[in-house]
């Protein structure tokens, strides 16, 4: 018998009824008539949503005892006594290397937090102290260039400081210097997990490390959501410290945010429209138009331009509390990268090969 979305069961086993709008049937009829019906249509399968599918899978694992969700703050009944109290001061932490900064992106990022965060923010930098900054800083030297995978090791070293340093609160927000908030936001906005579906890609070293991170998660039966989206991350120090040991990040340079998100954050939402990332330059008006419904943005290095600077300068004119007074009035759009680094070479007469040839 042909499959058909219009067919309905009848009380008689070998009879069916039909709801096709092009036919009028009185009561039921034998099932063999469906085989000659030209209007029989297979019902289309609904489009599978990635996050809904993951949610159903986690529910199955939860019911079977394979997965235990993290407890969430209560907010359904409206009673204050059931709610998890938010911290009086939220610490925002920026790992920062002055040599990698293109301009004063960090200044705008800090201004955006102090301008739009609906709470009291504590500003902390781990790494280098900019000339204009006079706030809380935890000095950490950059990983030596002799170490393999220097860029990844340097970031992991700073994140490990977050997990272990006494001057970092038990809970904090991890930031980057090229992340900017554009409108008021709350701690709940930061705590809400957001990710994208992972698409395998090994086009560069960063993507290869993401693949390695996903494979490590899959080996443990965990989800593989892509949390490496350049969004801020809500962190708990104890969990971050345990994750470093569990995945041996001291030896394996994987993407910590991918691991942490899939281990501790639960089922995520999509990043848009809350977040937008810009990879190309544009004028101020274009940035204003494209961010009409966006709360936080990030830019790649090639996207930093006059248009983005003017957009942020108009939105964030007030200096932050950590900007030195004598520095606050200075222009902040200064490209510090002038070109390739000059390499100093040893004089030819000091080379061994040259000395040996001269001796002959």
C-alpha atoms as a PDB file:
ATOM      1  CA  UNK A   1       0.000   0.000   0.000  1.00  0.00           C
ATOM      2  CA  UNK A   2       1.357   3.423  -0.977  1.00  0.00           C
ATOM      3  CA  UNK A   3       2.416   5.731   1.856  1.00  0.00           C
ATOM      4  CA  UNK A   4       0.079   8.732   2.006  1.00  0.00           C
ATOM      5  CA  UNK A   5      -0.267  11.697   4.352  1.00  0.00           C
ATOM      6  CA  UNK A   6      -4.054  11.880   3.753  1.00  0.00           C
ATOM      7  CA  UNK A   7      -4.841   8.342   4.909  1.00  0.00           C
ATOM      8  CA  UNK A   8      -6.414   7.728   8.312  1.00  0.00           C
ATOM      9  CA  UNK A   9      -7.113   4.520  10.158  1.00  0.00           C
ATOM     10  CA  UNK A  10     -10.576   3.024  10.217  1.00  0.00           C
ATOM     11  CA  UNK A  11     -12.343   0.826  12.753  1.00  0.00           C
ATOM     12  CA  UNK A  12     -12.222  -2.031  10.238  1.00  0.00           C
ATOM     13  CA  UNK A  13      -8.669  -3.471   9.904  1.00  0.00           C
ATOM     14  CA  UNK A  14      -8.684  -3.749   6.093  1.00  0.00           C
ATOM     15  CA  UNK A  15     -10.399  -0.390   5.539  1.00  0.00           C
ATOM     16  CA  UNK A  16      -9.142   3.229   5.732  1.00  0.00           C
ATOM     17  CA  UNK A  17     -10.538   6.728   5.360  1.00  0.00           C
ATOM     18  CA  UNK A  18      -9.125   9.731   3.452  1.00  0.00           C
ATOM     19  CA  UNK A  19      -8.949  13.466   4.215  1.00  0.00           C
ATOM     20  CA  UNK A  20      -7.615  14.599   0.821  1.00  0.00           C
ATOM     21  CA  UNK A  21      -9.396  17.924  -0.060  1.00  0.00           C
ATOM     22  CA  UNK A  22      -9.592  16.901  -3.757  1.00  0.00           C
ATOM     23  CA  UNK A  23     -11.657  13.767  -3.040  1.00  0.00           C
ATOM     24  CA  UNK A  24     -14.943  13.182  -1.289  1.00  0.00           C
ATOM     25  CA  UNK A  25     -15.357   9.779   0.320  1.00  0.00           C
ATOM     26  CA  UNK A  26     -18.326   8.584   2.296  1.00  0.00           C
ATOM     27  CA  UNK A  27     -17.063   6.563   5.222  1.00  0.00           C
ATOM     28  CA  UNK A  28     -14.213   4.069   4.798  1.00  0.00           C
ATOM     29  CA  UNK A  29     -13.062   2.011   1.816  1.00  0.00           C
ATOM     30  CA  UNK A  30     -10.791  -1.013   1.231  1.00  0.00           C
ATOM     31  CA  UNK A  31      -7.050  -0.383   1.573  1.00  0.00           C
ATOM     32  CA  UNK A  32      -6.214  -1.725  -1.938  1.00  0.00           C
ATOM     33  CA  UNK A  33      -7.834   1.374  -3.481  1.00  0.00           C
ATOM     34  CA  UNK A  34      -4.875   3.468  -2.206  1.00  0.00           C
ATOM     35  CA  UNK A  35      -2.530   1.580  -4.550  1.00  0.00           C
ATOM     36  CA  UNK A  36      -4.246   3.072  -7.598  1.00  0.00           C
ATOM     37  CA  UNK A  37      -4.743   6.553  -6.167  1.00  0.00           C
ATOM     38  CA  UNK A  38      -2.781   9.220  -8.122  1.00  0.00           C
ATOM     39  CA  UNK A  39      -2.993  11.721  -5.227  1.00  0.00           C
ATOM     40  CA  UNK A  40      -1.105   9.627  -2.672  1.00  0.00           C
ATOM     41  CA  UNK A  41       1.597  11.875  -1.170  1.00  0.00           C
ATOM     42  CA  UNK A  42       4.365  11.044   1.263  1.00  0.00           C
ATOM     43  CA  UNK A  43       4.395  13.359   4.277  1.00  0.00           C
ATOM     44  CA  UNK A  44       7.571  15.455   4.383  1.00  0.00           C
ATOM     45  CA  UNK A  45       9.796  14.989   7.411  1.00  0.00           C
ATOM     46  CA  UNK A  46      10.133  18.108   9.506  1.00  0.00           C
ATOM     47  CA  UNK A  47      13.476  19.924   9.287  1.00  0.00           C
ATOM     48  CA  UNK A  48      15.719  18.761  12.098  1.00  0.00           C
ATOM     49  CA  UNK A  49      16.972  21.591  14.292  1.00  0.00           C
ATOM     50  CA  UNK A  50      20.495  20.987  15.600  1.00  0.00           C
ATOM     51  CA  UNK A  51      19.901  22.384  19.074  1.00  0.00           C
ATOM     52  CA  UNK A  52      16.469  20.767  19.486  1.00  0.00           C
ATOM     53  CA  UNK A  53      17.954  17.422  18.484  1.00  0.00           C
ATOM     54  CA  UNK A  54      20.726  17.840  21.053  1.00  0.00           C
ATOM     55  CA  UNK A  55      18.207  18.822  23.709  1.00  0.00           C
ATOM     56  CA  UNK A  56      16.188  15.661  23.079  1.00  0.00           C
ATOM     57  CA  UNK A  57      19.349  13.550  23.177  1.00  0.00           C
ATOM     58  CA  UNK A  58      20.418  15.060  26.500  1.00  0.00           C
ATOM     59  CA  UNK A  59      16.938  14.409  27.907  1.00  0.00           C
ATOM     60  CA  UNK A  60      17.208  10.729  26.925  1.00  0.00           C
ATOM     61  CA  UNK A  61      20.641  10.489  28.582  1.00  0.00           C
ATOM     62  CA  UNK A  62      19.315  12.280  31.668  1.00  0.00           C
ATOM     63  CA  UNK A  63      16.416   9.841  32.021  1.00  0.00           C
ATOM     64  CA  UNK A  64      18.778   6.878  31.685  1.00  0.00           C
ATOM     65  CA  UNK A  65      21.183   8.257  34.290  1.00  0.00           C
ATOM     66  CA  UNK A  66      24.056   8.906  31.859  1.00  0.00           C
ATOM     67  CA  UNK A  67      23.891  12.701  32.222  1.00  0.00           C
ATOM     68  CA  UNK A  68      23.205  15.001  35.160  1.00  0.00           C
ATOM     69  CA  UNK A  69      22.444  18.638  34.242  1.00  0.00           C
ATOM     70  CA  UNK A  70      24.041  21.472  36.164  1.00  0.00           C
ATOM     71  CA  UNK A  71      21.646  23.190  38.607  1.00  0.00           C
ATOM     72  CA  UNK A  72      20.283  26.503  37.345  1.00  0.00           C
ATOM     73  CA  UNK A  73      19.207  29.576  39.333  1.00  0.00           C
ATOM     74  CA  UNK A  74      15.509  29.397  40.167  1.00  0.00           C
ATOM     75  CA  UNK A  75      13.360  32.121  38.665  1.00  0.00           C
ATOM     76  CA  UNK A  76      10.055  30.500  37.834  1.00  0.00           C
ATOM     77  CA  UNK A  77       8.024  30.985  40.994  1.00  0.00           C
ATOM     78  CA  UNK A  78       9.115  34.564  41.621  1.00  0.00           C
ATOM     79  CA  UNK A  79      10.003  34.056  45.280  1.00  0.00           C
ATOM     80  CA  UNK A  80      13.224  35.772  46.301  1.00  0.00           C
ATOM     81  CA  UNK A  81      14.226  33.042  48.766  1.00  0.00           C
ATOM     82  CA  UNK A  82      14.546  30.519  45.909  1.00  0.00           C
ATOM     83  CA  UNK A  83      16.821  32.650  43.771  1.00  0.00           C
ATOM     84  CA  UNK A  84      20.611  32.277  43.674  1.00  0.00           C
ATOM     85  CA  UNK A  85      22.008  35.666  44.761  1.00  0.00           C
ATOM     86  CA  UNK A  86      24.159  37.445  42.211  1.00  0.00           C
ATOM     87  CA  UNK A  87      27.578  38.735  43.299  1.00  0.00           C
ATOM     88  CA  UNK A  88      27.714  42.326  44.512  1.00  0.00           C
ATOM     89  CA  UNK A  89      30.684  42.951  42.212  1.00  0.00           C
ATOM     90  CA  UNK A  90      31.309  41.077  38.954  1.00  0.00           C
ATOM     91  CA  UNK A  91      34.924  40.793  37.894  1.00  0.00           C
ATOM     92  CA  UNK A  92      35.642  41.204  34.163  1.00  0.00           C
ATOM     93  CA  UNK A  93      39.070  39.846  33.187  1.00  0.00           C
ATOM     94  CA  UNK A  94      40.988  40.709  30.008  1.00  0.00           C
ATOM     95  CA  UNK A  95      44.069  38.600  29.105  1.00  0.00           C
ATOM     96  CA  UNK A  96      46.215  41.178  27.320  1.00  0.00           C
ATOM     97  CA  UNK A  97      49.468  41.303  25.362  1.00  0.00           C
ATOM     98  CA  UNK A  98      50.442  44.836  24.430  1.00  0.00           C
ATOM     99  CA  UNK A  99      52.519  43.690  21.457  1.00  0.00           C
ATOM    100  CA  UNK A 100      49.496  42.036  19.866  1.00  0.00           C
ATOM    101  CA  UNK A 101      47.250  45.088  20.111  1.00  0.00           C
ATOM    102  CA  UNK A 102      46.463  46.829  16.830  1.00  0.00           C
ATOM    103  CA  UNK A 103      45.178  50.028  18.433  1.00  0.00           C
ATOM    104  CA  UNK A 104      43.390  50.932  21.689  1.00  0.00           C
ATOM    105  CA  UNK A 105      40.678  48.298  21.325  1.00  0.00           C
ATOM    106  CA  UNK A 106      41.058  47.429  25.021  1.00  0.00           C
ATOM    107  CA  UNK A 107      40.090  50.969  26.015  1.00  0.00           C
ATOM    108  CA  UNK A 108      36.805  50.731  24.104  1.00  0.00           C
ATOM    109  CA  UNK A 109      36.107  47.251  25.438  1.00  0.00           C
ATOM    110  CA  UNK A 110      36.477  48.408  29.048  1.00  0.00           C
ATOM    111  CA  UNK A 111      34.391  51.526  28.395  1.00  0.00           C
ATOM    112  CA  UNK A 112      31.600  49.369  26.956  1.00  0.00           C
ATOM    113  CA  UNK A 113      31.467  47.210  30.099  1.00  0.00           C
ATOM    114  CA  UNK A 114      31.380  50.154  32.506  1.00  0.00           C
ATOM    115  CA  UNK A 115      28.805  51.958  30.353  1.00  0.00           C
ATOM    116  CA  UNK A 116      26.316  49.155  29.769  1.00  0.00           C
ATOM    117  CA  UNK A 117      26.706  46.505  32.512  1.00  0.00           C
ATOM    118  CA  UNK A 118      23.658  46.528  34.788  1.00  0.00           C
ATOM    119  CA  UNK A 119      25.665  45.973  37.946  1.00  0.00           C
ATOM    120  CA  UNK A 120      28.981  46.852  39.560  1.00  0.00           C
ATOM    121  CA  UNK A 121      32.007  45.788  37.521  1.00  0.00           C
ATOM    122  CA  UNK A 122      35.587  45.186  38.663  1.00  0.00           C
ATOM    123  CA  UNK A 123      38.101  45.607  35.823  1.00  0.00           C
ATOM    124  CA  UNK A 124      41.180  43.341  35.759  1.00  0.00           C
ATOM    125  CA  UNK A 125      43.940  42.827  33.197  1.00  0.00           C
ATOM    126  CA  UNK A 126      46.220  39.771  33.137  1.00  0.00           C
ATOM    127  CA  UNK A 127      49.426  40.296  31.182  1.00  0.00           C
ATOM    128  CA  UNK A 128      50.780  43.729  30.189  1.00  0.00           C
ATOM    129  CA  UNK A 129      49.755  47.128  31.528  1.00  0.00           C
ATOM    130  CA  UNK A 130      48.963  49.742  28.823  1.00  0.00           C
ATOM    131  CA  UNK A 131      50.396  53.231  29.331  1.00  0.00           C
ATOM    132  CA  UNK A 132      46.943  54.770  29.784  1.00  0.00           C
ATOM    133  CA  UNK A 133      45.670  52.152  32.281  1.00  0.00           C
ATOM    134  CA  UNK A 134      45.825  52.654  36.057  1.00  0.00           C
ATOM    135  CA  UNK A 135      43.422  49.947  37.260  1.00  0.00           C
ATOM    136  CA  UNK A 136      43.857  46.461  38.704  1.00  0.00           C
ATOM    137  CA  UNK A 137      46.426  44.404  36.791  1.00  0.00           C
ATOM    138  CA  UNK A 138      48.096  41.032  37.334  1.00  0.00           C
ATOM    139  CA  UNK A 139      51.415  41.181  35.530  1.00  0.00           C
ATOM    140  CA  UNK A 140      52.289  38.029  33.586  1.00  0.00           C
ATOM    141  CA  UNK A 141      55.136  37.849  31.108  1.00  0.00           C
ATOM    142  CA  UNK A 142      54.515  36.415  27.673  1.00  0.00           C
ATOM    143  CA  UNK A 143      55.519  32.805  27.050  1.00  0.00           C
ATOM    144  CA  UNK A 144      59.067  32.740  25.581  1.00  0.00           C
ATOM    145  CA  UNK A 145      59.384  32.436  21.815  1.00  0.00           C
ATOM    146  CA  UNK A 146      61.378  29.228  22.292  1.00  0.00           C
ATOM    147  CA  UNK A 147      58.254  27.424  23.486  1.00  0.00           C
ATOM    148  CA  UNK A 148      56.301  25.557  20.764  1.00  0.00           C
ATOM    149  CA  UNK A 149      52.777  26.783  19.992  1.00  0.00           C
ATOM    150  CA  UNK A 150      53.641  30.063  21.688  1.00  0.00           C
ATOM    151  CA  UNK A 151      50.382  31.926  21.003  1.00  0.00           C
ATOM    152  CA  UNK A 152      48.185  29.087  22.289  1.00  0.00           C
ATOM    153  CA  UNK A 153      50.460  28.443  25.265  1.00  0.00           C
ATOM    154  CA  UNK A 154      50.436  32.113  26.202  1.00  0.00           C
ATOM    155  CA  UNK A 155      46.643  32.269  26.230  1.00  0.00           C
ATOM    156  CA  UNK A 156      46.352  29.016  28.186  1.00  0.00           C
ATOM    157  CA  UNK A 157      48.862  30.370  30.690  1.00  0.00           C
ATOM    158  CA  UNK A 158      46.748  33.468  31.267  1.00  0.00           C
ATOM    159  CA  UNK A 159      43.572  31.393  31.574  1.00  0.00           C
ATOM    160  CA  UNK A 160      45.326  29.173  34.118  1.00  0.00           C
ATOM    161  CA  UNK A 161      46.075  32.357  36.098  1.00  0.00           C
ATOM    162  CA  UNK A 162      42.324  32.994  36.142  1.00  0.00           C
ATOM    163  CA  UNK A 163      41.790  29.491  37.544  1.00  0.00           C
ATOM    164  CA  UNK A 164      44.431  29.750  40.272  1.00  0.00           C
ATOM    165  CA  UNK A 165      45.337  33.366  41.124  1.00  0.00           C
ATOM    166  CA  UNK A 166      44.212  34.678  44.505  1.00  0.00           C
ATOM    167  CA  UNK A 167      43.238  38.080  43.053  1.00  0.00           C
ATOM    168  CA  UNK A 168      40.623  36.543  40.748  1.00  0.00           C
ATOM    169  CA  UNK A 169      37.154  36.028  42.223  1.00  0.00           C
ATOM    170  CA  UNK A 170      35.634  32.558  42.439  1.00  0.00           C
ATOM    171  CA  UNK A 171      33.407  33.549  39.491  1.00  0.00           C
ATOM    172  CA  UNK A 172      34.267  36.008  36.745  1.00  0.00           C
ATOM    173  CA  UNK A 173      33.718  37.005  33.115  1.00  0.00           C
ATOM    174  CA  UNK A 174      36.458  36.243  30.575  1.00  0.00           C
ATOM    175  CA  UNK A 175      36.822  38.986  27.971  1.00  0.00           C
ATOM    176  CA  UNK A 176      38.953  39.886  24.957  1.00  0.00           C
ATOM    177  CA  UNK A 177      40.191  43.342  24.028  1.00  0.00           C
ATOM    178  CA  UNK A 178      38.194  43.335  20.766  1.00  0.00           C
ATOM    179  CA  UNK A 179      34.804  42.616  22.366  1.00  0.00           C
ATOM    180  CA  UNK A 180      32.448  45.618  22.775  1.00  0.00           C
ATOM    181  CA  UNK A 181      28.990  45.874  24.323  1.00  0.00           C
ATOM    182  CA  UNK A 182      26.593  48.180  22.510  1.00  0.00           C
ATOM    183  CA  UNK A 183      23.587  48.301  24.837  1.00  0.00           C
ATOM    184  CA  UNK A 184      22.614  47.478  28.452  1.00  0.00           C
ATOM    185  CA  UNK A 185      23.218  43.859  29.506  1.00  0.00           C
ATOM    186  CA  UNK A 186      22.893  41.835  32.701  1.00  0.00           C
ATOM    187  CA  UNK A 187      24.808  39.010  34.300  1.00  0.00           C
ATOM    188  CA  UNK A 188      22.098  36.602  33.113  1.00  0.00           C
ATOM    189  CA  UNK A 189      22.918  37.622  29.537  1.00  0.00           C
ATOM    190  CA  UNK A 190      26.515  36.546  30.116  1.00  0.00           C
ATOM    191  CA  UNK A 191      25.582  33.340  31.949  1.00  0.00           C
ATOM    192  CA  UNK A 192      23.295  32.210  29.126  1.00  0.00           C
ATOM    193  CA  UNK A 193      25.321  29.656  27.107  1.00  0.00           C
ATOM    194  CA  UNK A 194      25.627  30.507  23.409  1.00  0.00           C
ATOM    195  CA  UNK A 195      27.353  28.479  20.713  1.00  0.00           C
ATOM    196  CA  UNK A 196      27.193  27.429  17.080  1.00  0.00           C
ATOM    197  CA  UNK A 197      27.094  23.989  15.440  1.00  0.00           C
ATOM    198  CA  UNK A 198      30.598  22.702  14.835  1.00  0.00           C
ATOM    199  CA  UNK A 199      31.683  22.251  11.249  1.00  0.00           C
ATOM    200  CA  UNK A 200      34.934  20.268  10.843  1.00  0.00           C
ATOM    201  CA  UNK A 201      37.684  22.419   9.365  1.00  0.00           C
ATOM    202  CA  UNK A 202      41.458  21.979   9.373  1.00  0.00           C
ATOM    203  CA  UNK A 203      42.392  24.965   7.216  1.00  0.00           C
ATOM    204  CA  UNK A 204      44.714  26.468   9.861  1.00  0.00           C
ATOM    205  CA  UNK A 205      46.323  25.653  13.205  1.00  0.00           C
ATOM    206  CA  UNK A 206      43.478  27.202  15.199  1.00  0.00           C
ATOM    207  CA  UNK A 207      40.890  25.048  13.400  1.00  0.00           C
ATOM    208  CA  UNK A 208      43.072  21.975  13.876  1.00  0.00           C
ATOM    209  CA  UNK A 209      43.162  22.616  17.619  1.00  0.00           C
ATOM    210  CA  UNK A 210      39.403  23.016  17.611  1.00  0.00           C
ATOM    211  CA  UNK A 211      39.112  19.630  15.895  1.00  0.00           C
ATOM    212  CA  UNK A 212      41.412  18.094  18.513  1.00  0.00           C
ATOM    213  CA  UNK A 213      39.246  19.623  21.252  1.00  0.00           C
ATOM    214  CA  UNK A 214      36.067  18.207  19.702  1.00  0.00           C
ATOM    215  CA  UNK A 215      37.643  14.764  19.378  1.00  0.00           C
ATOM    216  CA  UNK A 216      38.632  14.849  23.055  1.00  0.00           C
ATOM    217  CA  UNK A 217      35.017  15.686  23.962  1.00  0.00           C
ATOM    218  CA  UNK A 218      33.597  12.981  21.691  1.00  0.00           C
ATOM    219  CA  UNK A 219      35.906  10.390  23.276  1.00  0.00           C
ATOM    220  CA  UNK A 220      34.202  11.144  26.603  1.00  0.00           C
ATOM    221  CA  UNK A 221      30.690  11.030  25.191  1.00  0.00           C
ATOM    222  CA  UNK A 222      30.208  14.788  25.550  1.00  0.00           C
ATOM    223  CA  UNK A 223      28.567  17.257  23.188  1.00  0.00           C
ATOM    224  CA  UNK A 224      30.565  19.126  20.544  1.00  0.00           C
ATOM    225  CA  UNK A 225      29.066  22.615  20.430  1.00  0.00           C
ATOM    226  CA  UNK A 226      31.339  25.327  19.066  1.00  0.00           C
ATOM    227  CA  UNK A 227      31.862  27.759  21.952  1.00  0.00           C
ATOM    228  CA  UNK A 228      34.871  29.418  20.280  1.00  0.00           C
ATOM    229  CA  UNK A 229      32.669  32.243  19.027  1.00  0.00           C
ATOM    230  CA  UNK A 230      34.583  35.285  20.408  1.00  0.00           C
ATOM    231  CA  UNK A 231      31.854  35.952  22.972  1.00  0.00           C
ATOM    232  CA  UNK A 232      32.502  36.680  26.672  1.00  0.00           C
ATOM    233  CA  UNK A 233      32.473  33.566  28.873  1.00  0.00           C
ATOM    234  CA  UNK A 234      31.149  33.118  32.403  1.00  0.00           C
ATOM    235  CA  UNK A 235      33.739  31.134  34.389  1.00  0.00           C
ATOM    236  CA  UNK A 236      33.910  29.382  37.742  1.00  0.00           C
ATOM    237  CA  UNK A 237      37.492  29.048  38.969  1.00  0.00           C
ATOM    238  CA  UNK A 238      37.130  25.614  40.569  1.00  0.00           C
ATOM    239  CA  UNK A 239      35.623  24.092  37.435  1.00  0.00           C
ATOM    240  CA  UNK A 240      38.221  25.746  35.213  1.00  0.00           C
ATOM    241  CA  UNK A 241      41.031  24.356  37.370  1.00  0.00           C
ATOM    242  CA  UNK A 242      39.586  20.829  37.247  1.00  0.00           C
ATOM    243  CA  UNK A 243      39.182  21.059  33.468  1.00  0.00           C
ATOM    244  CA  UNK A 244      42.876  21.937  33.043  1.00  0.00           C
ATOM    245  CA  UNK A 245      43.849  18.741  34.852  1.00  0.00           C
ATOM    246  CA  UNK A 246      41.202  16.506  33.273  1.00  0.00           C
ATOM    247  CA  UNK A 247      42.231  17.396  29.720  1.00  0.00           C
ATOM    248  CA  UNK A 248      45.919  17.949  30.617  1.00  0.00           C
ATOM    249  CA  UNK A 249      46.006  21.379  29.015  1.00  0.00           C
ATOM    250  CA  UNK A 250      49.475  21.868  30.453  1.00  0.00           C
ATOM    251  CA  UNK A 251      50.715  19.469  27.753  1.00  0.00           C
ATOM    252  CA  UNK A 252      48.003  19.628  25.080  1.00  0.00           C
ATOM    253  CA  UNK A 253      47.240  23.061  23.571  1.00  0.00           C
ATOM    254  CA  UNK A 254      43.506  22.742  22.915  1.00  0.00           C
ATOM    255  CA  UNK A 255      40.776  25.400  22.899  1.00  0.00           C
ATOM    256  CA  UNK A 256      39.800  25.806  26.538  1.00  0.00           C
ATOM    257  CA  UNK A 257      36.513  27.627  25.805  1.00  0.00           C
ATOM    258  CA  UNK A 258      35.282  24.718  23.658  1.00  0.00           C
ATOM    259  CA  UNK A 259      36.113  22.224  26.411  1.00  0.00           C
ATOM    260  CA  UNK A 260      34.693  24.332  29.250  1.00  0.00           C
ATOM    261  CA  UNK A 261      31.471  25.125  27.417  1.00  0.00           C
ATOM    262  CA  UNK A 262      30.667  21.530  26.541  1.00  0.00           C
ATOM    263  CA  UNK A 263      31.614  20.182  29.962  1.00  0.00           C
ATOM    264  CA  UNK A 264      29.877  22.777  32.152  1.00  0.00           C
ATOM    265  CA  UNK A 265      27.528  25.074  30.221  1.00  0.00           C
ATOM    266  CA  UNK A 266      24.655  22.791  29.148  1.00  0.00           C
ATOM    267  CA  UNK A 267      22.472  23.188  26.059  1.00  0.00           C
ATOM    268  CA  UNK A 268      23.318  26.498  24.317  1.00  0.00           C
ATOM    269  CA  UNK A 269      21.350  29.046  22.335  1.00  0.00           C
ATOM    270  CA  UNK A 270      22.480  30.374  18.975  1.00  0.00           C
ATOM    271  CA  UNK A 271      24.739  33.429  19.103  1.00  0.00           C
ATOM    272  CA  UNK A 272      22.629  35.687  16.887  1.00  0.00           C
ATOM    273  CA  UNK A 273      21.079  38.224  17.164  1.00  0.00           C
ATOM    274  CA  UNK A 274      22.745  38.777  20.572  1.00  0.00           C
ATOM    275  CA  UNK A 275      26.202  38.713  18.963  1.00  0.00           C
ATOM    276  CA  UNK A 276      27.760  39.806  15.666  1.00  0.00           C
ATOM    277  CA  UNK A 277      31.318  39.463  14.356  1.00  0.00           C
ATOM    278  CA  UNK A 278      32.810  41.807  11.774  1.00  0.00           C
ATOM    279  CA  UNK A 279      35.582  40.694   9.450  1.00  0.00           C
ATOM    280  CA  UNK A 280      35.516  43.568   6.935  1.00  0.00           C
ATOM    281  CA  UNK A 281      35.889  47.333   7.157  1.00  0.00           C
ATOM    282  CA  UNK A 282      32.928  49.669   6.797  1.00  0.00           C
ATOM    283  CA  UNK A 283      31.899  53.230   7.575  1.00  0.00           C
ATOM    284  CA  UNK A 284      30.269  54.380  10.802  1.00  0.00           C
ATOM    285  CA  UNK A 285      26.759  54.390   9.363  1.00  0.00           C
ATOM    286  CA  UNK A 286      27.092  50.777   8.169  1.00  0.00           C
ATOM    287  CA  UNK A 287      28.182  49.596  11.620  1.00  0.00           C
ATOM    288  CA  UNK A 288      25.234  51.444  13.163  1.00  0.00           C
ATOM    289  CA  UNK A 289      22.805  49.832  10.732  1.00  0.00           C
ATOM    290  CA  UNK A 290      24.194  46.297  11.098  1.00  0.00           C
ATOM    291  CA  UNK A 291      24.133  46.384  14.904  1.00  0.00           C
ATOM    292  CA  UNK A 292      20.585  47.679  15.390  1.00  0.00           C
ATOM    293  CA  UNK A 293      19.524  44.480  17.217  1.00  0.00           C
ATOM    294  CA  UNK A 294      22.914  43.407  18.559  1.00  0.00           C
ATOM    295  CA  UNK A 295      24.155  43.545  22.156  1.00  0.00           C
ATOM    296  CA  UNK A 296      27.843  42.649  21.749  1.00  0.00           C
ATOM    297  CA  UNK A 297      30.226  42.629  18.783  1.00  0.00           C
ATOM    298  CA  UNK A 298      33.737  41.465  17.952  1.00  0.00           C
ATOM    299  CA  UNK A 299      36.055  42.479  15.133  1.00  0.00           C
ATOM    300  CA  UNK A 300      38.884  40.677  13.400  1.00  0.00           C
ATOM    301  CA  UNK A 301      42.174  42.496  12.912  1.00  0.00           C
ATOM    302  CA  UNK A 302      41.456  43.481   9.258  1.00  0.00           C
ATOM    303  CA  UNK A 303      38.077  44.939  10.276  1.00  0.00           C
ATOM    304  CA  UNK A 304      39.541  47.645  12.543  1.00  0.00           C
ATOM    305  CA  UNK A 305      39.198  50.925  10.687  1.00  0.00           C
ATOM    306  CA  UNK A 306      38.128  54.586  10.935  1.00  0.00           C
ATOM    307  CA  UNK A 307      34.482  53.593  10.611  1.00  0.00           C
ATOM    308  CA  UNK A 308      34.591  51.205  13.589  1.00  0.00           C
ATOM    309  CA  UNK A 309      36.568  53.689  15.667  1.00  0.00           C
ATOM    310  CA  UNK A 310      34.101  56.504  14.939  1.00  0.00           C
ATOM    311  CA  UNK A 311      31.174  54.215  15.709  1.00  0.00           C
ATOM    312  CA  UNK A 312      32.616  53.269  19.124  1.00  0.00           C
ATOM    313  CA  UNK A 313      33.775  56.820  19.898  1.00  0.00           C
ATOM    314  CA  UNK A 314      30.270  58.180  19.371  1.00  0.00           C
ATOM    315  CA  UNK A 315      28.718  55.376  21.424  1.00  0.00           C
ATOM    316  CA  UNK A 316      31.275  55.452  24.279  1.00  0.00           C
ATOM    317  CA  UNK A 317      32.465  59.039  24.809  1.00  0.00           C
ATOM    318  CA  UNK A 318      32.948  58.780  28.591  1.00  0.00           C
ATOM    319  CA  UNK A 319      36.377  57.596  29.825  1.00  0.00           C
ATOM    320  CA  UNK A 320      36.327  54.544  32.074  1.00  0.00           C
ATOM    321  CA  UNK A 321      37.363  54.579  35.729  1.00  0.00           C
ATOM    322  CA  UNK A 322      40.689  52.916  34.896  1.00  0.00           C
ATOM    323  CA  UNK A 323      41.862  55.525  32.379  1.00  0.00           C
ATOM    324  CA  UNK A 324      44.431  57.945  33.743  1.00  0.00           C
ATOM    325  CA  UNK A 325      43.117  61.510  33.754  1.00  0.00           C
ATOM    326  CA  UNK A 326      46.024  62.885  31.746  1.00  0.00           C
ATOM    327  CA  UNK A 327      45.512  60.130  29.160  1.00  0.00           C
ATOM    328  CA  UNK A 328      41.716  60.262  28.842  1.00  0.00           C
ATOM    329  CA  UNK A 329      41.698  63.268  26.518  1.00  0.00           C
ATOM    330  CA  UNK A 330      44.326  61.942  24.119  1.00  0.00           C
ATOM    331  CA  UNK A 331      43.277  60.481  20.756  1.00  0.00           C
ATOM    332  CA  UNK A 332      42.771  56.740  21.061  1.00  0.00           C
ATOM    333  CA  UNK A 333      42.791  55.675  17.418  1.00  0.00           C
ATOM    334  CA  UNK A 334      46.471  54.893  16.987  1.00  0.00           C
ATOM    335  CA  UNK A 335      47.625  51.997  14.839  1.00  0.00           C
ATOM    336  CA  UNK A 336      50.627  50.585  16.643  1.00  0.00           C
ATOM    337  CA  UNK A 337      51.571  48.002  14.034  1.00  0.00           C
ATOM    338  CA  UNK A 338      53.725  49.765  11.460  1.00  0.00           C
ATOM    339  CA  UNK A 339      54.931  46.748   9.516  1.00  0.00           C
ATOM    340  CA  UNK A 340      57.019  43.597   9.864  1.00  0.00           C
ATOM    341  CA  UNK A 341      59.350  43.362  12.842  1.00  0.00           C
ATOM    342  CA  UNK A 342      62.987  44.347  12.190  1.00  0.00           C
ATOM    343  CA  UNK A 343      65.312  41.402  12.774  1.00  0.00           C
ATOM    344  CA  UNK A 344      68.822  42.160  14.039  1.00  0.00           C
ATOM    345  CA  UNK A 345      71.396  39.812  12.530  1.00  0.00           C
ATOM    346  CA  UNK A 346      74.906  38.975  13.670  1.00  0.00           C
ATOM    347  CA  UNK A 347      77.787  40.493  11.694  1.00  0.00           C
ATOM    348  CA  UNK A 348      79.116  38.194   9.009  1.00  0.00           C
ATOM    349  CA  UNK A 349      82.614  38.093  10.509  1.00  0.00           C
ATOM    350  CA  UNK A 350      81.271  36.453  13.683  1.00  0.00           C
ATOM    351  CA  UNK A 351      79.802  33.417  11.858  1.00  0.00           C
ATOM    352  CA  UNK A 352      81.694  30.158  12.277  1.00  0.00           C
ATOM    353  CA  UNK A 353      81.652  29.316   8.564  1.00  0.00           C
ATOM    354  CA  UNK A 354      83.176  32.676   7.717  1.00  0.00           C
ATOM    355  CA  UNK A 355      85.882  32.352  10.382  1.00  0.00           C
ATOM    356  CA  UNK A 356      86.813  28.830   9.204  1.00  0.00           C
ATOM    357  CA  UNK A 357      87.072  29.950   5.569  1.00  0.00           C
ATOM    358  CA  UNK A 358      89.302  32.847   6.543  1.00  0.00           C
ATOM    359  CA  UNK A 359      91.544  30.495   8.522  1.00  0.00           C
ATOM    360  CA  UNK A 360      92.052  28.330   5.431  1.00  0.00           C
END
